Amino acid sequence: MFLNSYFSEQNGEFSFSRQQASHFAKRVAGDFNPIHDEDNKRFCVPGDLLFSVVLAKAGLSQKMRFEFAGMINDGVALSIDSKSEADQSMVDGNGKEYLHITRSGDTTHNDALIEQVTKSYVQFSGMNFPHIMVPLMESKQIMINPVRPLVIYESMELDFTRLDLTNPSVELTESCIDVEGKRGSVTLNFCFKEDGEVVGTGRKRMVMSGLKPYCQDDIDDLVNRFNGRKEHFNAIAA
């Protein structure tokens, strides 16, 4: 399983080192959000890594909703608590919930399909910044704090018409941003396609805080720093 190098498992519990989580963000998702850097004081494990582990361990269902309830630091041991087939949570040893999962419809444990769905979604998800986020922020003339950019993953939904699939890919269908004072939310609607046919849809929602008036110079600097971090990591990885 391609995920094996990005988490550790012992006695049914999962944990993530800073290096594992950071490398997943950068190598798999193309996500260079500073909050996933190994040396960041506010470090947290990417939500897409939790999503990926859940699919790998509990299977892919036709309809799934993931609600993120808290930021996870490195070394926290988590397990999947199944209240029922339709209601699961990722919790720590004290029962604190970090991810809530609801599901319905058929479920598959086909490793090849789950890997394809995981990779295609996570790579799409990692493109949020700058490709999608910057035009949205410009449209509302607001922006995240360039000094301490913080965008929190709130929820994600999947809805497949069928699961007898082999190579579904992800495409953005609609994006929107809502702003209220210094807080905002971004919703990305997307679809899964196989051989040109739409075989599923999905939605990702993110929350932004500490919003500021839009400044093109600050945005340009933020994008340049993002691209510089990406080029530096790729050079080292190569």
Protein backbone atom coordinates (compact mmCIF):
# COMPACT_ATOMS: atom_id res chain seq x y z
CA MET A 1 0.00 0.00 0.00
CA PHE A 2 1.42 3.36 -1.06
CA LEU A 3 0.42 4.89 2.29
CA ASN A 4 2.62 2.60 4.38
CA SER A 5 5.51 5.06 4.57
CA TYR A 6 3.25 7.90 5.73
CA PHE A 7 1.95 6.48 9.02
CA SER A 8 2.85 3.98 11.72
CA GLU A 9 0.53 1.28 13.05
CA GLN A 10 0.71 -0.65 16.28
CA ASN A 11 -2.00 -2.64 18.07
CA GLY A 12 -4.69 -1.18 15.84
CA GLU A 13 -3.62 2.42 16.47
CA PHE A 14 -2.27 4.88 13.90
CA SER A 15 0.19 7.68 14.46
CA PHE A 16 2.09 10.11 12.28
CA SER A 17 5.57 11.55 12.68
CA ARG A 18 6.20 15.08 11.49
CA GLN A 19 8.30 13.76 8.62
CA GLN A 20 5.64 11.26 7.53
CA ALA A 21 2.85 13.83 7.57
CA SER A 22 4.96 16.54 5.94
CA HIS A 23 6.18 14.24 3.17
CA PHE A 24 2.63 13.08 2.45
CA ALA A 25 1.48 16.68 2.12
CA LYS A 26 4.30 17.59 -0.24
CA ARG A 27 4.94 14.39 -2.20
CA VAL A 28 1.40 13.05 -2.59
CA ALA A 29 -0.85 16.11 -2.30
CA GLY A 30 1.47 18.83 -3.57
CA ASP A 31 0.39 20.79 -0.49
CA PHE A 32 3.01 23.26 0.73
CA ASN A 33 0.96 24.88 3.47
CA PRO A 34 3.54 25.90 6.14
CA ILE A 35 1.38 24.31 8.85
CA HIS A 36 2.53 20.91 7.56
CA ASP A 37 6.25 21.74 7.79
CA GLU A 38 8.21 19.53 10.16
CA ASP A 39 9.64 22.49 12.08
CA ASN A 40 6.44 24.56 12.32
CA LYS A 41 5.36 25.32 15.90
CA ARG A 42 1.72 25.06 14.81
CA PHE A 43 2.33 21.81 12.91
CA CYS A 44 -0.66 19.57 12.23
CA VAL A 45 -1.24 16.35 10.31
CA PRO A 46 -2.96 16.97 6.94
CA GLY A 47 -6.66 16.17 6.92
CA ASP A 48 -6.21 14.42 3.58
CA LEU A 49 -3.84 11.95 5.24
CA LEU A 50 -6.52 11.03 7.80
CA PHE A 51 -9.03 10.66 4.96
CA SER A 52 -6.62 8.40 3.08
CA VAL A 53 -5.98 6.14 6.08
CA VAL A 54 -9.71 5.76 6.74
CA LEU A 55 -10.34 4.64 3.14
CA ALA A 56 -7.42 2.22 3.26
CA LYS A 57 -8.50 0.65 6.54
CA ALA A 58 -12.31 0.88 6.48
CA GLY A 59 -13.08 0.85 2.76
CA LEU A 60 -14.75 3.19 0.29
CA SER A 61 -18.53 3.57 0.43
CA GLN A 62 -20.83 5.07 -2.18
CA LYS A 63 -21.79 7.96 0.09
CA MET A 64 -19.34 9.30 2.68
CA ARG A 65 -19.06 12.45 4.76
CA PHE A 66 -15.94 13.44 6.69
CA GLU A 67 -16.14 16.12 9.38
CA PHE A 68 -12.86 17.31 10.87
CA ALA A 69 -13.12 18.11 14.56
CA GLY A 70 -9.59 19.04 15.63
CA MET A 71 -5.99 19.53 14.61
CA ILE A 72 -3.70 16.55 15.21
CA ASN A 73 -0.09 16.88 16.28
CA ASP A 74 2.64 14.34 15.63
CA GLY A 75 2.80 11.17 17.70
CA VAL A 76 -0.88 11.15 18.72
CA ALA A 77 -2.15 7.54 18.64
CA LEU A 78 -5.52 7.27 16.90
CA SER A 79 -7.94 4.44 16.25
CA ILE A 80 -11.17 4.02 14.30
CA ASP A 81 -14.15 3.74 16.63
CA SER A 82 -17.08 2.11 14.83
CA LYS A 83 -20.37 2.92 16.51
CA SER A 84 -22.11 1.20 13.59
CA GLU A 85 -21.41 0.42 9.94
CA ALA A 86 -22.70 3.89 9.09
CA ASP A 87 -21.10 5.90 11.92
CA GLN A 88 -17.38 5.94 12.69
CA SER A 89 -14.88 8.25 14.36
CA MET A 90 -11.12 8.63 14.49
CA VAL A 91 -10.32 9.10 18.18
CA ASP A 92 -7.33 9.23 20.51
CA GLY A 93 -6.77 7.13 23.63
CA ASN A 94 -8.98 9.47 25.69
CA GLY A 95 -11.86 9.18 23.25
CA LYS A 96 -11.37 12.68 21.82
CA GLU A 97 -12.77 12.79 18.30
CA TYR A 98 -10.68 14.27 15.47
CA LEU A 99 -12.62 13.00 12.47
CA HIS A 100 -16.24 11.87 12.18
CA ILE A 101 -17.27 9.64 9.28
CA THR A 102 -20.78 8.76 8.14
CA ARG A 103 -21.36 6.36 5.25
CA SER A 104 -24.09 4.55 3.36
CA GLY A 105 -24.59 2.45 0.25
CA ASP A 106 -22.28 -0.27 -1.02
CA THR A 107 -18.71 -0.51 0.30
CA THR A 108 -15.62 -1.78 -1.50
CA HIS A 109 -12.21 -2.80 -0.15
CA ASN A 110 -10.65 -2.97 -3.62
CA ASP A 111 -7.11 -1.74 -2.92
CA ALA A 112 -6.42 -0.59 -6.48
CA LEU A 113 -9.63 1.46 -6.69
CA ILE A 114 -9.16 2.95 -3.22
CA GLU A 115 -5.59 3.97 -4.10
CA GLN A 116 -6.77 5.58 -7.35
CA VAL A 117 -9.60 7.48 -5.65
CA THR A 118 -7.29 8.56 -2.83
CA LYS A 119 -4.49 9.81 -5.08
CA SER A 120 -6.77 11.57 -7.57
CA TYR A 121 -8.74 13.34 -4.83
CA VAL A 122 -5.73 14.27 -2.68
CA GLN A 123 -3.82 15.68 -5.66
CA PHE A 124 -6.89 17.73 -6.58
CA SER A 125 -7.32 18.84 -2.96
CA GLY A 126 -3.69 19.93 -2.71
CA MET A 127 -4.15 22.36 -5.62
CA ASN A 128 -6.37 24.65 -3.53
CA PHE A 129 -3.60 27.21 -3.25
CA PRO A 130 -2.82 29.17 -5.30
CA HIS A 131 -4.79 27.91 -8.32
CA ILE A 132 -8.28 28.09 -6.80
CA MET A 133 -7.95 30.17 -3.64
CA VAL A 134 -6.26 33.25 -5.11
CA PRO A 135 -8.93 34.00 -7.77
CA LEU A 136 -11.66 33.46 -5.18
CA MET A 137 -10.03 35.84 -2.70
CA GLU A 138 -9.51 38.44 -5.40
CA SER A 139 -13.20 38.20 -6.36
CA LYS A 140 -14.18 39.26 -2.82
CA GLN A 141 -11.20 41.61 -2.34
CA ILE A 142 -10.12 39.80 0.82
CA MET A 143 -7.15 37.58 1.62
CA ILE A 144 -5.70 35.33 4.30
CA ASN A 145 -3.03 36.78 6.56
CA PRO A 146 0.20 36.55 4.51
CA VAL A 147 2.33 36.34 7.66
CA ARG A 148 0.31 33.57 9.32
CA PRO A 149 -1.84 32.00 6.60
CA LEU A 150 -4.38 29.65 8.13
CA VAL A 151 -6.99 27.66 6.22
CA ILE A 152 -8.73 24.86 8.13
CA TYR A 153 -10.25 21.77 6.52
CA GLU A 154 -13.85 21.54 7.79
CA SER A 155 -15.60 18.78 5.87
CA MET A 156 -15.65 16.68 2.72
CA GLU A 157 -18.32 14.56 1.02
CA LEU A 158 -18.25 11.83 -1.62
CA ASP A 159 -21.23 10.46 -3.55
CA PHE A 160 -20.62 7.71 -6.13
CA THR A 161 -23.33 6.35 -8.42
CA ARG A 162 -21.49 3.00 -8.52
CA LEU A 163 -18.24 1.42 -7.36
CA ASP A 164 -17.40 -0.93 -10.23
CA LEU A 165 -14.73 1.54 -11.31
CA THR A 166 -11.07 1.23 -12.27
CA ASN A 167 -9.59 4.66 -12.98
CA PRO A 168 -11.76 7.58 -11.82
CA SER A 169 -10.26 11.07 -12.03
CA VAL A 170 -11.32 14.27 -10.27
CA GLU A 171 -12.39 17.55 -11.88
CA LEU A 172 -13.45 20.83 -10.27
CA THR A 173 -17.03 21.75 -11.17
CA GLU A 174 -17.67 24.86 -9.08
CA SER A 175 -15.97 26.97 -6.42
CA CYS A 176 -17.37 29.71 -4.20
CA ILE A 177 -16.32 31.84 -1.25
CA ASP A 178 -18.48 33.36 1.49
CA VAL A 179 -17.14 36.12 3.74
CA GLU A 180 -18.43 37.41 7.05
CA GLY A 181 -16.15 39.92 8.74
CA LYS A 182 -12.71 38.42 9.27
CA ARG A 183 -13.92 34.87 8.68
CA GLY A 184 -14.76 33.13 5.46
CA SER A 185 -15.50 29.75 3.98
CA VAL A 186 -14.56 28.19 0.66
CA THR A 187 -16.60 25.42 -0.95
CA LEU A 188 -15.24 23.33 -3.80
CA ASN A 189 -17.62 21.11 -5.76
CA PHE A 190 -16.04 18.41 -7.90
CA CYS A 191 -16.88 15.28 -9.84
CA PHE A 192 -15.32 11.90 -10.49
CA LYS A 193 -15.12 10.84 -14.14
CA GLU A 194 -14.28 7.53 -15.77
CA ASP A 195 -14.01 7.28 -19.56
CA GLY A 196 -15.73 10.65 -19.85
CA GLU A 197 -18.72 9.60 -17.72
CA VAL A 198 -19.53 11.33 -14.43
CA VAL A 199 -19.58 8.50 -11.87
CA GLY A 200 -19.59 10.53 -8.67
CA THR A 201 -19.61 13.97 -7.12
CA GLY A 202 -18.07 15.55 -4.04
CA ARG A 203 -17.72 18.70 -2.01
CA LYS A 204 -14.90 20.08 0.12
CA ARG A 205 -15.36 22.93 2.59
CA MET A 206 -12.60 25.00 4.21
CA VAL A 207 -12.69 27.79 6.79
CA MET A 208 -10.45 30.87 6.77
CA SER A 209 -9.84 33.26 9.66
CA GLY A 210 -7.95 36.52 10.21
CA LEU A 211 -8.96 37.86 6.80
CA LYS A 212 -7.48 41.14 5.55
CA PRO A 213 -8.24 43.53 2.68
CA TYR A 214 -6.90 42.18 -0.61
CA CYS A 215 -3.41 43.40 -1.53
CA GLN A 216 -1.92 42.21 -4.81
CA ASP A 217 1.67 42.75 -3.65
CA ASP A 218 1.08 40.62 -0.56
CA ILE A 219 -0.61 37.92 -2.64
CA ASP A 220 2.25 37.93 -5.13
CA ASP A 221 4.73 37.56 -2.28
CA LEU A 222 2.69 34.72 -0.76
CA VAL A 223 2.52 32.88 -4.09
CA ASN A 224 6.23 33.43 -4.73
CA ARG A 225 7.08 32.01 -1.30
CA PHE A 226 4.79 29.05 -1.94
CA ASN A 227 6.45 28.33 -5.29
CA GLY A 228 9.92 28.79 -3.76
CA ARG A 229 9.15 26.28 -1.01
CA LYS A 230 7.84 23.82 -3.61
CA GLU A 231 10.91 24.17 -5.83
CA HIS A 232 13.25 23.82 -2.83
CA PHE A 233 11.56 20.65 -1.60
CA ASN A 234 11.42 19.10 -5.07
CA ALA A 235 15.10 19.81 -5.59
CA ILE A 236 15.98 18.10 -2.31
CA ALA A 237 13.64 15.18 -3.01
CA ALA A 238 15.19 14.67 -6.45
